[in-house]
Amino acid sequence: MANLDRINAELQRQISEIIRTEVKNPRVKGILTVTEVRTTADLKYAKVYISYYGNEEDKEGTFEALKASAGFIRNCLKDRVKIRMLPALQIIPDETLVKALDLYKKIEEATKDLPPVDDEDL
């Protein structure tokens, strides 16, 4: 499993660099972060989780452009990563940060009427 973790980390690093420097699609906007890469054990497929920060109106177009660029990104990886089989890439929007923020807001809303807790009460 450690070998697969190293492959995932290297793919994450290289894909991030390729998106930043090589992908020239004008529909790719906002701040993008490759948050995680999960490669199958047989190295045939890799799920690439990308978080997006920017204008919500551009988000859908950005991910459509990234999905359309998956073959290009994979082709760029051939020169950068030396493994026997380069996985097919599946671009997936990472909504973890958005969900965490929503959960935080819900907790804040639910607890706003509760009295403050003193450290002595703990």
PDB file of N, CA and C in Angstrom:
ATOM      1  N   MET A   1       0.813  -1.199   0.000  1.00  0.00           N
ATOM      2  CA  MET A   1       0.000   0.000   0.000  1.00  0.00           C
ATOM      3  C   MET A   1       0.854   1.259   0.000  1.00  0.00           C
ATOM      4  N   ALA A   2       2.047   1.187   0.594  1.00  0.00           N
ATOM      5  CA  ALA A   2       2.919   2.359   0.644  1.00  0.00           C
ATOM      6  C   ALA A   2       3.325   2.793  -0.755  1.00  0.00           C
ATOM      7  N   ASN A   3       3.537   1.821  -1.630  1.00  0.00           N
ATOM      8  CA  ASN A   3       3.905   2.144  -3.008  1.00  0.00           C
ATOM      9  C   ASN A   3       2.764   2.883  -3.706  1.00  0.00           C
ATOM     10  N   LEU A   4       1.546   2.442  -3.506  1.00  0.00           N
ATOM     11  CA  LEU A   4       0.378   3.090  -4.097  1.00  0.00           C
ATOM     12  C   LEU A   4       0.213   4.509  -3.539  1.00  0.00           C
ATOM     13  N   ASP A   5       0.507   4.687  -2.260  1.00  0.00           N
ATOM     14  CA  ASP A   5       0.444   6.022  -1.654  1.00  0.00           C
ATOM     15  C   ASP A   5       1.463   6.956  -2.307  1.00  0.00           C
ATOM     16  N   ARG A   6       2.656   6.444  -2.582  1.00  0.00           N
ATOM     17  CA  ARG A   6       3.678   7.260  -3.255  1.00  0.00           C
ATOM     18  C   ARG A   6       3.242   7.620  -4.667  1.00  0.00           C
ATOM     19  N   ILE A   7       2.632   6.676  -5.362  1.00  0.00           N
ATOM     20  CA  ILE A   7       2.142   6.944  -6.715  1.00  0.00           C
ATOM     21  C   ILE A   7       1.050   8.006  -6.664  1.00  0.00           C
ATOM     22  N   ASN A   8       0.113   7.866  -5.735  1.00  0.00           N
ATOM     23  CA  ASN A   8      -0.965   8.855  -5.599  1.00  0.00           C
ATOM     24  C   ASN A   8      -0.410  10.246  -5.302  1.00  0.00           C
ATOM     25  N   ALA A   9       0.564  10.325  -4.401  1.00  0.00           N
ATOM     26  CA  ALA A   9       1.148  11.615  -4.042  1.00  0.00           C
ATOM     27  C   ALA A   9       1.860  12.240  -5.248  1.00  0.00           C
ATOM     28  N   GLU A  10       2.593  11.433  -5.994  1.00  0.00           N
ATOM     29  CA  GLU A  10       3.299  11.965  -7.157  1.00  0.00           C
ATOM     30  C   GLU A  10       2.314  12.392  -8.246  1.00  0.00           C
ATOM     31  N   LEU A  11       1.277  11.602  -8.485  1.00  0.00           N
ATOM     32  CA  LEU A  11       0.251  11.992  -9.449  1.00  0.00           C
ATOM     33  C   LEU A  11      -0.414  13.292  -9.026  1.00  0.00           C
ATOM     34  N   GLN A  12      -0.724  13.417  -7.747  1.00  0.00           N
ATOM     35  CA  GLN A  12      -1.353  14.638  -7.239  1.00  0.00           C
ATOM     36  C   GLN A  12      -0.466  15.848  -7.519  1.00  0.00           C
ATOM     37  N   ARG A  13       0.815  15.718  -7.210  1.00  0.00           N
ATOM     38  CA  ARG A  13       1.757  16.818  -7.419  1.00  0.00           C
ATOM     39  C   ARG A  13       1.865  17.188  -8.901  1.00  0.00           C
ATOM     40  N   GLN A  14       2.001  16.187  -9.754  1.00  0.00           N
ATOM     41  CA  GLN A  14       2.186  16.439 -11.179  1.00  0.00           C
ATOM     42  C   GLN A  14       0.915  16.965 -11.846  1.00  0.00           C
ATOM     43  N   ILE A  15      -0.235  16.416 -11.483  1.00  0.00           N
ATOM     44  CA  ILE A  15      -1.496  16.886 -12.064  1.00  0.00           C
ATOM     45  C   ILE A  15      -1.738  18.343 -11.682  1.00  0.00           C
ATOM     46  N   SER A  16      -1.443  18.676 -10.442  1.00  0.00           N
ATOM     47  CA  SER A  16      -1.592  20.060  -9.999  1.00  0.00           C
ATOM     48  C   SER A  16      -0.713  20.986 -10.833  1.00  0.00           C
ATOM     49  N   GLU A  17       0.516  20.582 -11.058  1.00  0.00           N
ATOM     50  CA  GLU A  17       1.446  21.388 -11.854  1.00  0.00           C
ATOM     51  C   GLU A  17       0.975  21.504 -13.306  1.00  0.00           C
ATOM     52  N   ILE A  18       0.478  20.421 -13.870  1.00  0.00           N
ATOM     53  CA  ILE A  18      -0.002  20.434 -15.260  1.00  0.00           C
ATOM     54  C   ILE A  18      -1.201  21.367 -15.407  1.00  0.00           C
ATOM     55  N   ILE A  19      -2.138  21.288 -14.473  1.00  0.00           N
ATOM     56  CA  ILE A  19      -3.312  22.164 -14.538  1.00  0.00           C
ATOM     57  C   ILE A  19      -2.872  23.626 -14.435  1.00  0.00           C
ATOM     58  N   ARG A  20      -1.907  23.881 -13.577  1.00  0.00           N
ATOM     59  CA  ARG A  20      -1.444  25.255 -13.367  1.00  0.00           C
ATOM     60  C   ARG A  20      -0.676  25.805 -14.568  1.00  0.00           C
ATOM     61  N   THR A  21       0.121  24.970 -15.224  1.00  0.00           N
ATOM     62  CA  THR A  21       1.019  25.494 -16.255  1.00  0.00           C
ATOM     63  C   THR A  21       0.687  25.086 -17.686  1.00  0.00           C
ATOM     64  N   GLU A  22       0.049  23.947 -17.877  1.00  0.00           N
ATOM     65  CA  GLU A  22      -0.125  23.409 -19.228  1.00  0.00           C
ATOM     66  C   GLU A  22      -1.542  23.553 -19.790  1.00  0.00           C
ATOM     67  N   VAL A  23      -2.545  23.443 -18.927  1.00  0.00           N
ATOM     68  CA  VAL A  23      -3.930  23.518 -19.400  1.00  0.00           C
ATOM     69  C   VAL A  23      -4.241  24.982 -19.724  1.00  0.00           C
ATOM     70  N   LYS A  24      -4.508  25.236 -20.981  1.00  0.00           N
ATOM     71  CA  LYS A  24      -4.723  26.614 -21.448  1.00  0.00           C
ATOM     72  C   LYS A  24      -6.180  26.902 -21.805  1.00  0.00           C
ATOM     73  N   ASN A  25      -7.084  26.033 -21.418  1.00  0.00           N
ATOM     74  CA  ASN A  25      -8.498  26.204 -21.731  1.00  0.00           C
ATOM     75  C   ASN A  25      -9.029  27.453 -21.022  1.00  0.00           C
ATOM     76  N   PRO A  26      -9.606  28.393 -21.759  1.00  0.00           N
ATOM     77  CA  PRO A  26     -10.087  29.633 -21.129  1.00  0.00           C
ATOM     78  C   PRO A  26     -11.281  29.415 -20.192  1.00  0.00           C
ATOM     79  N   ARG A  27     -11.925  28.257 -20.267  1.00  0.00           N
ATOM     80  CA  ARG A  27     -13.054  27.997 -19.360  1.00  0.00           C
ATOM     81  C   ARG A  27     -12.580  27.588 -17.969  1.00  0.00           C
ATOM     82  N   VAL A  28     -11.300  27.242 -17.836  1.00  0.00           N
ATOM     83  CA  VAL A  28     -10.762  26.870 -16.528  1.00  0.00           C
ATOM     84  C   VAL A  28     -10.440  28.159 -15.772  1.00  0.00           C
ATOM     85  N   LYS A  29     -11.259  28.439 -14.763  1.00  0.00           N
ATOM     86  CA  LYS A  29     -11.142  29.680 -13.994  1.00  0.00           C
ATOM     87  C   LYS A  29     -11.148  29.372 -12.512  1.00  0.00           C
ATOM     88  N   GLY A  30     -10.846  30.373 -11.720  1.00  0.00           N
ATOM     89  CA  GLY A  30     -10.876  30.216 -10.272  1.00  0.00           C
ATOM     90  C   GLY A  30      -9.587  29.618  -9.752  1.00  0.00           C
ATOM     91  N   ILE A  31      -9.587  29.378  -8.463  1.00  0.00           N
ATOM     92  CA  ILE A  31      -8.435  28.767  -7.803  1.00  0.00           C
ATOM     93  C   ILE A  31      -8.748  27.279  -7.665  1.00  0.00           C
ATOM     94  N   LEU A  32      -7.876  26.450  -8.211  1.00  0.00           N
ATOM     95  CA  LEU A  32      -8.064  25.007  -8.196  1.00  0.00           C
ATOM     96  C   LEU A  32      -6.978  24.354  -7.353  1.00  0.00           C
ATOM     97  N   THR A  33      -7.384  23.365  -6.573  1.00  0.00           N
ATOM     98  CA  THR A  33      -6.438  22.599  -5.770  1.00  0.00           C
ATOM     99  C   THR A  33      -6.737  21.124  -5.946  1.00  0.00           C
ATOM    100  N   VAL A  34      -5.736  20.358  -6.329  1.00  0.00           N
ATOM    101  CA  VAL A  34      -5.883  18.901  -6.391  1.00  0.00           C
ATOM    102  C   VAL A  34      -5.742  18.413  -4.954  1.00  0.00           C
ATOM    103  N   THR A  35      -6.860  18.031  -4.363  1.00  0.00           N
ATOM    104  CA  THR A  35      -6.862  17.682  -2.945  1.00  0.00           C
ATOM    105  C   THR A  35      -6.483  16.233  -2.691  1.00  0.00           C
ATOM    106  N   GLU A  36      -6.768  15.364  -3.655  1.00  0.00           N
ATOM    107  CA  GLU A  36      -6.488  13.941  -3.447  1.00  0.00           C
ATOM    108  C   GLU A  36      -6.526  13.222  -4.775  1.00  0.00           C
ATOM    109  N   VAL A  37      -5.715  12.167  -4.871  1.00  0.00           N
ATOM    110  CA  VAL A  37      -5.766  11.247  -6.006  1.00  0.00           C
ATOM    111  C   VAL A  37      -5.880   9.846  -5.421  1.00  0.00           C
ATOM    112  N   ARG A  38      -6.864   9.098  -5.889  1.00  0.00           N
ATOM    113  CA  ARG A  38      -7.060   7.706  -5.443  1.00  0.00           C
ATOM    114  C   ARG A  38      -6.942   6.798  -6.654  1.00  0.00           C
ATOM    115  N   THR A  39      -5.884   6.047  -6.698  1.00  0.00           N
ATOM    116  CA  THR A  39      -5.621   5.135  -7.806  1.00  0.00           C
ATOM    117  C   THR A  39      -6.056   3.729  -7.414  1.00  0.00           C
ATOM    118  N   THR A  40      -6.650   3.018  -8.354  1.00  0.00           N
ATOM    119  CA  THR A  40      -7.016   1.628  -8.085  1.00  0.00           C
ATOM    120  C   THR A  40      -5.753   0.791  -7.983  1.00  0.00           C
ATOM    121  N   ALA A  41      -5.838  -0.345  -7.308  1.00  0.00           N
ATOM    122  CA  ALA A  41      -4.670  -1.197  -7.082  1.00  0.00           C
ATOM    123  C   ALA A  41      -4.041  -1.692  -8.385  1.00  0.00           C
ATOM    124  N   ASP A  42      -4.865  -1.861  -9.431  1.00  0.00           N
ATOM    125  CA  ASP A  42      -4.322  -2.327 -10.713  1.00  0.00           C
ATOM    126  C   ASP A  42      -3.808  -1.177 -11.588  1.00  0.00           C
ATOM    127  N   LEU A  43      -3.859   0.046 -11.079  1.00  0.00           N
ATOM    128  CA  LEU A  43      -3.374   1.258 -11.757  1.00  0.00           C
ATOM    129  C   LEU A  43      -4.103   1.563 -13.063  1.00  0.00           C
ATOM    130  N   LYS A  44      -5.315   1.071 -13.214  1.00  0.00           N
ATOM    131  CA  LYS A  44      -6.062   1.358 -14.441  1.00  0.00           C
ATOM    132  C   LYS A  44      -6.806   2.684 -14.359  1.00  0.00           C
ATOM    133  N   TYR A  45      -7.243   3.052 -13.162  1.00  0.00           N
ATOM    134  CA  TYR A  45      -8.053   4.258 -13.005  1.00  0.00           C
ATOM    135  C   TYR A  45      -7.569   5.075 -11.807  1.00  0.00           C
ATOM    136  N   ALA A  46      -7.743   6.382 -11.926  1.00  0.00           N
ATOM    137  CA  ALA A  46      -7.423   7.271 -10.807  1.00  0.00           C
ATOM    138  C   ALA A  46      -8.514   8.327 -10.708  1.00  0.00           C
ATOM    139  N   LYS A  47      -9.061   8.464  -9.512  1.00  0.00           N
ATOM    140  CA  LYS A  47     -10.014   9.533  -9.245  1.00  0.00           C
ATOM    141  C   LYS A  47      -9.220  10.730  -8.749  1.00  0.00           C
ATOM    142  N   VAL A  48      -9.398  11.864  -9.432  1.00  0.00           N
ATOM    143  CA  VAL A  48      -8.675  13.082  -9.102  1.00  0.00           C
ATOM    144  C   VAL A  48      -9.680  14.061  -8.505  1.00  0.00           C
ATOM    145  N   TYR A  49      -9.547  14.326  -7.202  1.00  0.00           N
ATOM    146  CA  TYR A  49     -10.455  15.223  -6.502  1.00  0.00           C
ATOM    147  C   TYR A  49      -9.870  16.635  -6.537  1.00  0.00           C
ATOM    148  N   ILE A  50     -10.671  17.573  -7.030  1.00  0.00           N
ATOM    149  CA  ILE A  50     -10.217  18.954  -7.179  1.00  0.00           C
ATOM    150  C   ILE A  50     -11.202  19.881  -6.491  1.00  0.00           C
ATOM    151  N   SER A  51     -10.659  20.747  -5.614  1.00  0.00           N
ATOM    152  CA  SER A  51     -11.511  21.754  -4.981  1.00  0.00           C
ATOM    153  C   SER A  51     -11.440  23.029  -5.806  1.00  0.00           C
ATOM    154  N   TYR A  52     -12.529  23.763  -5.789  1.00  0.00           N
ATOM    155  CA  TYR A  52     -12.658  24.979  -6.593  1.00  0.00           C
ATOM    156  C   TYR A  52     -13.024  26.133  -5.688  1.00  0.00           C
ATOM    157  N   TYR A  53     -12.330  27.252  -5.873  1.00  0.00           N
ATOM    158  CA  TYR A  53     -12.690  28.470  -5.174  1.00  0.00           C
ATOM    159  C   TYR A  53     -12.772  29.576  -6.218  1.00  0.00           C
ATOM    160  N   GLY A  54     -13.936  30.160  -6.331  1.00  0.00           N
ATOM    161  CA  GLY A  54     -14.126  31.222  -7.311  1.00  0.00           C
ATOM    162  C   GLY A  54     -15.595  31.471  -7.541  1.00  0.00           C
ATOM    163  N   ASN A  55     -15.890  32.097  -8.650  1.00  0.00           N
ATOM    164  CA  ASN A  55     -17.242  32.457  -9.023  1.00  0.00           C
ATOM    165  C   ASN A  55     -18.067  31.193  -9.259  1.00  0.00           C
ATOM    166  N   GLU A  56     -19.185  31.061  -8.557  1.00  0.00           N
ATOM    167  CA  GLU A  56     -20.029  29.865  -8.698  1.00  0.00           C
ATOM    168  C   GLU A  56     -20.561  29.696 -10.121  1.00  0.00           C
ATOM    169  N   GLU A  57     -20.731  30.787 -10.832  1.00  0.00           N
ATOM    170  CA  GLU A  57     -21.235  30.709 -12.208  1.00  0.00           C
ATOM    171  C   GLU A  57     -20.228  30.038 -13.138  1.00  0.00           C
ATOM    172  N   ASP A  58     -18.939  30.136 -12.820  1.00  0.00           N
ATOM    173  CA  ASP A  58     -17.893  29.557 -13.656  1.00  0.00           C
ATOM    174  C   ASP A  58     -17.535  28.130 -13.250  1.00  0.00           C
ATOM    175  N   LYS A  59     -18.032  27.678 -12.107  1.00  0.00           N
ATOM    176  CA  LYS A  59     -17.626  26.379 -11.567  1.00  0.00           C
ATOM    177  C   LYS A  59     -17.964  25.229 -12.513  1.00  0.00           C
ATOM    178  N   GLU A  60     -19.194  25.187 -12.994  1.00  0.00           N
ATOM    179  CA  GLU A  60     -19.609  24.083 -13.866  1.00  0.00           C
ATOM    180  C   GLU A  60     -18.775  24.055 -15.139  1.00  0.00           C
ATOM    181  N   GLY A  61     -18.573  25.206 -15.761  1.00  0.00           N
ATOM    182  CA  GLY A  61     -17.766  25.284 -16.977  1.00  0.00           C
ATOM    183  C   GLY A  61     -16.324  24.877 -16.734  1.00  0.00           C
ATOM    184  N   THR A  62     -15.801  25.235 -15.558  1.00  0.00           N
ATOM    185  CA  THR A  62     -14.426  24.867 -15.212  1.00  0.00           C
ATOM    186  C   THR A  62     -14.282  23.353 -15.139  1.00  0.00           C
ATOM    187  N   PHE A  63     -15.223  22.691 -14.457  1.00  0.00           N
ATOM    188  CA  PHE A  63     -15.120  21.236 -14.320  1.00  0.00           C
ATOM    189  C   PHE A  63     -15.405  20.517 -15.637  1.00  0.00           C
ATOM    190  N   GLU A  64     -16.279  21.059 -16.456  1.00  0.00           N
ATOM    191  CA  GLU A  64     -16.486  20.483 -17.787  1.00  0.00           C
ATOM    192  C   GLU A  64     -15.194  20.561 -18.596  1.00  0.00           C
ATOM    193  N   ALA A  65     -14.526  21.708 -18.526  1.00  0.00           N
ATOM    194  CA  ALA A  65     -13.262  21.883 -19.256  1.00  0.00           C
ATOM    195  C   ALA A  65     -12.185  20.954 -18.708  1.00  0.00           C
ATOM    196  N   LEU A  66     -12.122  20.791 -17.394  1.00  0.00           N
ATOM    197  CA  LEU A  66     -11.132  19.884 -16.805  1.00  0.00           C
ATOM    198  C   LEU A  66     -11.395  18.433 -17.210  1.00  0.00           C
ATOM    199  N   LYS A  67     -12.669  18.044 -17.210  1.00  0.00           N
ATOM    200  CA  LYS A  67     -13.003  16.682 -17.630  1.00  0.00           C
ATOM    201  C   LYS A  67     -12.648  16.457 -19.090  1.00  0.00           C
ATOM    202  N   ALA A  68     -12.873  17.479 -19.915  1.00  0.00           N
ATOM    203  CA  ALA A  68     -12.513  17.371 -21.334  1.00  0.00           C
ATOM    204  C   ALA A  68     -10.996  17.342 -21.510  1.00  0.00           C
ATOM    205  N   SER A  69     -10.259  17.899 -20.561  1.00  0.00           N
ATOM    206  CA  SER A  69      -8.801  17.951 -20.639  1.00  0.00           C
ATOM    207  C   SER A  69      -8.129  16.745 -19.992  1.00  0.00           C
ATOM    208  N   ALA A  70      -8.898  15.800 -19.469  1.00  0.00           N
ATOM    209  CA  ALA A  70      -8.320  14.655 -18.757  1.00  0.00           C
ATOM    210  C   ALA A  70      -7.342  13.878 -19.640  1.00  0.00           C
ATOM    211  N   GLY A  71      -7.670  13.684 -20.907  1.00  0.00           N
ATOM    212  CA  GLY A  71      -6.762  12.981 -21.818  1.00  0.00           C
ATOM    213  C   GLY A  71      -5.474  13.754 -22.034  1.00  0.00           C
ATOM    214  N   PHE A  72      -5.579  15.053 -22.172  1.00  0.00           N
ATOM    215  CA  PHE A  72      -4.400  15.908 -22.324  1.00  0.00           C
ATOM    216  C   PHE A  72      -3.520  15.835 -21.080  1.00  0.00           C
ATOM    217  N   ILE A  73      -4.157  15.903 -19.906  1.00  0.00           N
ATOM    218  CA  ILE A  73      -3.417  15.833 -18.644  1.00  0.00           C
ATOM    219  C   ILE A  73      -2.703  14.491 -18.538  1.00  0.00           C
ATOM    220  N   ARG A  74      -3.393  13.430 -18.893  1.00  0.00           N
ATOM    221  CA  ARG A  74      -2.794  12.089 -18.846  1.00  0.00           C
ATOM    222  C   ARG A  74      -1.607  12.003 -19.797  1.00  0.00           C
ATOM    223  N   ASN A  75      -1.740  12.579 -20.977  1.00  0.00           N
ATOM    224  CA  ASN A  75      -0.655  12.572 -21.941  1.00  0.00           C
ATOM    225  C   ASN A  75       0.567  13.327 -21.404  1.00  0.00           C
ATOM    226  N   CYS A  76       0.333  14.445 -20.735  1.00  0.00           N
ATOM    227  CA  CYS A  76       1.434  15.201 -20.123  1.00  0.00           C
ATOM    228  C   CYS A  76       2.106  14.393 -19.013  1.00  0.00           C
ATOM    229  N   LEU A  77       1.316  13.595 -18.306  1.00  0.00           N
ATOM    230  CA  LEU A  77       1.874  12.779 -17.226  1.00  0.00           C
ATOM    231  C   LEU A  77       2.862  11.740 -17.745  1.00  0.00           C
ATOM    232  N   LYS A  78       2.681  11.278 -18.982  1.00  0.00           N
ATOM    233  CA  LYS A  78       3.568  10.250 -19.543  1.00  0.00           C
ATOM    234  C   LYS A  78       5.020  10.682 -19.514  1.00  0.00           C
ATOM    235  N   ASP A  79       5.269  11.976 -19.708  1.00  0.00           N
ATOM    236  CA  ASP A  79       6.636  12.485 -19.709  1.00  0.00           C
ATOM    237  C   ASP A  79       7.157  12.772 -18.299  1.00  0.00           C
ATOM    238  N   ARG A  80       6.271  12.841 -17.331  1.00  0.00           N
ATOM    239  CA  ARG A  80       6.663  13.259 -15.983  1.00  0.00           C
ATOM    240  C   ARG A  80       6.716  12.121 -14.971  1.00  0.00           C
ATOM    241  N   VAL A  81       5.876  11.111 -15.156  1.00  0.00           N
ATOM    242  CA  VAL A  81       5.771  10.026 -14.189  1.00  0.00           C
ATOM    243  C   VAL A  81       6.144   8.719 -14.882  1.00  0.00           C
ATOM    244  N   LYS A  82       7.079   8.029 -14.302  1.00  0.00           N
ATOM    245  CA  LYS A  82       7.549   6.772 -14.898  1.00  0.00           C
ATOM    246  C   LYS A  82       6.960   5.582 -14.150  1.00  0.00           C
ATOM    247  N   ILE A  83       5.811   5.137 -14.615  1.00  0.00           N
ATOM    248  CA  ILE A  83       5.203   3.906 -14.105  1.00  0.00           C
ATOM    249  C   ILE A  83       4.762   3.082 -15.300  1.00  0.00           C
ATOM    250  N   ARG A  84       4.643   1.789 -15.082  1.00  0.00           N
ATOM    251  CA  ARG A  84       4.303   0.889 -16.188  1.00  0.00           C
ATOM    252  C   ARG A  84       2.998   1.248 -16.864  1.00  0.00           C
ATOM    253  N   MET A  85       1.975   1.454 -16.074  1.00  0.00           N
ATOM    254  CA  MET A  85       0.661   1.761 -16.629  1.00  0.00           C
ATOM    255  C   MET A  85       0.172   3.077 -16.032  1.00  0.00           C
ATOM    256  N   LEU A  86      -0.110   4.022 -16.888  1.00  0.00           N
ATOM    257  CA  LEU A  86      -0.625   5.305 -16.429  1.00  0.00           C
ATOM    258  C   LEU A  86      -2.149   5.222 -16.364  1.00  0.00           C
ATOM    259  N   PRO A  87      -2.741   5.518 -15.229  1.00  0.00           N
ATOM    260  CA  PRO A  87      -4.194   5.345 -15.079  1.00  0.00           C
ATOM    261  C   PRO A  87      -5.004   6.365 -15.875  1.00  0.00           C
ATOM    262  N   ALA A  88      -6.201   5.944 -16.270  1.00  0.00           N
ATOM    263  CA  ALA A  88      -7.177   6.872 -16.858  1.00  0.00           C
ATOM    264  C   ALA A  88      -7.667   7.770 -15.725  1.00  0.00           C
ATOM    265  N   LEU A  89      -7.813   9.051 -16.016  1.00  0.00           N
ATOM    266  CA  LEU A  89      -8.155  10.013 -14.979  1.00  0.00           C
ATOM    267  C   LEU A  89      -9.637  10.341 -14.975  1.00  0.00           C
ATOM    268  N   GLN A  90     -10.219  10.357 -13.804  1.00  0.00           N
ATOM    269  CA  GLN A  90     -11.595  10.778 -13.620  1.00  0.00           C
ATOM    270  C   GLN A  90     -11.570  12.013 -12.723  1.00  0.00           C
ATOM    271  N   ILE A  91     -11.961  13.157 -13.272  1.00  0.00           N
ATOM    272  CA  ILE A  91     -11.961  14.420 -12.538  1.00  0.00           C
ATOM    273  C   ILE A  91     -13.251  14.526 -11.733  1.00  0.00           C
ATOM    274  N   ILE A  92     -13.108  14.754 -10.420  1.00  0.00           N
ATOM    275  CA  ILE A  92     -14.265  14.812  -9.523  1.00  0.00           C
ATOM    276  C   ILE A  92     -14.173  16.084  -8.683  1.00  0.00           C
ATOM    277  N   PRO A  93     -15.237  16.898  -8.674  1.00  0.00           N
ATOM    278  CA  PRO A  93     -15.232  18.068  -7.793  1.00  0.00           C
ATOM    279  C   PRO A  93     -15.192  17.642  -6.330  1.00  0.00           C
ATOM    280  N   ASP A  94     -14.296  18.228  -5.564  1.00  0.00           N
ATOM    281  CA  ASP A  94     -14.190  17.922  -4.139  1.00  0.00           C
ATOM    282  C   ASP A  94     -15.021  18.951  -3.376  1.00  0.00           C
ATOM    283  N   GLU A  95     -16.102  18.501  -2.805  1.00  0.00           N
ATOM    284  CA  GLU A  95     -17.029  19.381  -2.084  1.00  0.00           C
ATOM    285  C   GLU A  95     -16.819  19.333  -0.579  1.00  0.00           C
ATOM    286  N   THR A  96     -15.729  18.747  -0.129  1.00  0.00           N
ATOM    287  CA  THR A  96     -15.487  18.588   1.306  1.00  0.00           C
ATOM    288  C   THR A  96     -15.494  19.917   2.038  1.00  0.00           C
ATOM    289  N   LEU A  97     -14.791  20.901   1.509  1.00  0.00           N
ATOM    290  CA  LEU A  97     -14.712  22.199   2.169  1.00  0.00           C
ATOM    291  C   LEU A  97     -16.081  22.876   2.229  1.00  0.00           C
ATOM    292  N   VAL A  98     -16.851  22.782   1.156  1.00  0.00           N
ATOM    293  CA  VAL A  98     -18.188  23.379   1.125  1.00  0.00           C
ATOM    294  C   VAL A  98     -19.094  22.700   2.149  1.00  0.00           C
ATOM    295  N   LYS A  99     -19.021  21.373   2.217  1.00  0.00           N
ATOM    296  CA  LYS A  99     -19.845  20.635   3.178  1.00  0.00           C
ATOM    297  C   LYS A  99     -19.446  20.958   4.609  1.00  0.00           C
ATOM    298  N   ALA A 100     -18.149  21.085   4.853  1.00  0.00           N
ATOM    299  CA  ALA A 100     -17.681  21.428   6.202  1.00  0.00           C
ATOM    300  C   ALA A 100     -18.159  22.812   6.606  1.00  0.00           C
ATOM    301  N   LEU A 101     -18.107  23.758   5.688  1.00  0.00           N
ATOM    302  CA  LEU A 101     -18.576  25.104   5.976  1.00  0.00           C
ATOM    303  C   LEU A 101     -20.080  25.125   6.249  1.00  0.00           C
ATOM    304  N   ASP A 102     -20.845  24.370   5.454  1.00  0.00           N
ATOM    305  CA  ASP A 102     -22.289  24.271   5.690  1.00  0.00           C
ATOM    306  C   ASP A 102     -22.589  23.668   7.057  1.00  0.00           C
ATOM    307  N   LEU A 103     -21.854  22.618   7.423  1.00  0.00           N
ATOM    308  CA  LEU A 103     -22.045  21.976   8.717  1.00  0.00           C
ATOM    309  C   LEU A 103     -21.715  22.953   9.850  1.00  0.00           C
ATOM    310  N   TYR A 104     -20.628  23.698   9.691  1.00  0.00           N
ATOM    311  CA  TYR A 104     -20.248  24.692  10.694  1.00  0.00           C
ATOM    312  C   TYR A 104     -21.351  25.729  10.869  1.00  0.00           C
ATOM    313  N   LYS A 105     -21.911  26.204   9.748  1.00  0.00           N
ATOM    314  CA  LYS A 105     -22.989  27.196   9.815  1.00  0.00           C
ATOM    315  C   LYS A 105     -24.211  26.629  10.514  1.00  0.00           C
ATOM    316  N   LYS A 106     -24.544  25.366  10.239  1.00  0.00           N
ATOM    317  CA  LYS A 106     -25.695  24.731  10.888  1.00  0.00           C
ATOM    318  C   LYS A 106     -25.476  24.599  12.390  1.00  0.00           C
ATOM    319  N   ILE A 107     -24.274  24.240  12.789  1.00  0.00           N
ATOM    320  CA  ILE A 107     -23.962  24.115  14.223  1.00  0.00           C
ATOM    321  C   ILE A 107     -24.051  25.482  14.894  1.00  0.00           C
ATOM    322  N   GLU A 108     -23.497  26.496  14.234  1.00  0.00           N
ATOM    323  CA  GLU A 108     -23.571  27.853  14.777  1.00  0.00           C
ATOM    324  C   GLU A 108     -25.025  28.299  14.944  1.00  0.00           C
ATOM    325  N   GLU A 109     -25.836  28.022  13.933  1.00  0.00           N
ATOM    326  CA  GLU A 109     -27.254  28.407  13.969  1.00  0.00           C
ATOM    327  C   GLU A 109     -27.989  27.666  15.082  1.00  0.00           C
ATOM    328  N   ALA A 110     -27.695  26.374  15.239  1.00  0.00           N
ATOM    329  CA  ALA A 110     -28.386  25.563  16.242  1.00  0.00           C
ATOM    330  C   ALA A 110     -27.974  25.928  17.660  1.00  0.00           C
ATOM    331  N   THR A 111     -26.764  26.422  17.842  1.00  0.00           N
ATOM    332  CA  THR A 111     -26.278  26.697  19.196  1.00  0.00           C
ATOM    333  C   THR A 111     -26.268  28.178  19.565  1.00  0.00           C
ATOM    334  N   LYS A 112     -26.788  29.027  18.693  1.00  0.00           N
ATOM    335  CA  LYS A 112     -26.705  30.468  18.960  1.00  0.00           C
ATOM    336  C   LYS A 112     -27.517  30.884  20.187  1.00  0.00           C
ATOM    337  N   ASP A 113     -28.583  30.164  20.528  1.00  0.00           N
ATOM    338  CA  ASP A 113     -29.431  30.528  21.658  1.00  0.00           C
ATOM    339  C   ASP A 113     -29.009  29.856  22.963  1.00  0.00           C
ATOM    340  N   LEU A 114     -28.006  29.007  22.924  1.00  0.00           N
ATOM    341  CA  LEU A 114     -27.540  28.342  24.142  1.00  0.00           C
ATOM    342  C   LEU A 114     -26.665  29.293  24.949  1.00  0.00           C
ATOM    343  N   PRO A 115     -26.717  29.168  26.276  1.00  0.00           N
ATOM    344  CA  PRO A 115     -25.858  30.029  27.105  1.00  0.00           C
ATOM    345  C   PRO A 115     -24.387  29.636  26.925  1.00  0.00           C
ATOM    346  N   PRO A 116     -23.475  30.582  27.082  1.00  0.00           N
ATOM    347  CA  PRO A 116     -22.055  30.258  26.949  1.00  0.00           C
ATOM    348  C   PRO A 116     -21.601  29.291  28.033  1.00  0.00           C
ATOM    349  N   VAL A 117     -20.622  28.483  27.713  1.00  0.00           N
ATOM    350  CA  VAL A 117     -20.095  27.499  28.650  1.00  0.00           C
ATOM    351  C   VAL A 117     -18.801  28.034  29.256  1.00  0.00           C
ATOM    352  N   ASP A 118     -18.714  28.003  30.596  1.00  0.00           N
ATOM    353  CA  ASP A 118     -17.481  28.425  31.271  1.00  0.00           C
ATOM    354  C   ASP A 118     -16.517  27.261  31.296  1.00  0.00           C
ATOM    355  N   ASP A 119     -15.239  27.591  31.294  1.00  0.00           N
ATOM    356  CA  ASP A 119     -14.204  26.544  31.374  1.00  0.00           C
ATOM    357  C   ASP A 119     -14.285  25.800  32.689  1.00  0.00           C
ATOM    358  N   GLU A 120     -14.791  26.434  33.723  1.00  0.00           N
ATOM    359  CA  GLU A 120     -14.899  25.810  35.045  1.00  0.00           C
ATOM    360  C   GLU A 120     -15.957  24.704  35.043  1.00  0.00           C
ATOM    361  N   ASP A 121     -16.938  24.801  34.128  1.00  0.00           N
ATOM    362  CA  ASP A 121     -18.006  23.809  34.074  1.00  0.00           C
ATOM    363  C   ASP A 121     -17.555  22.499  33.452  1.00  0.00           C
ATOM    364  N   LEU A 122     -16.411  22.505  32.807  1.00  0.00           N
ATOM    365  CA  LEU A 122     -15.949  21.303  32.106  1.00  0.00           C
ATOM    366  C   LEU A 122     -15.220  20.379  32.976  1.00  0.00           C
TER     367      LEU A 122
END
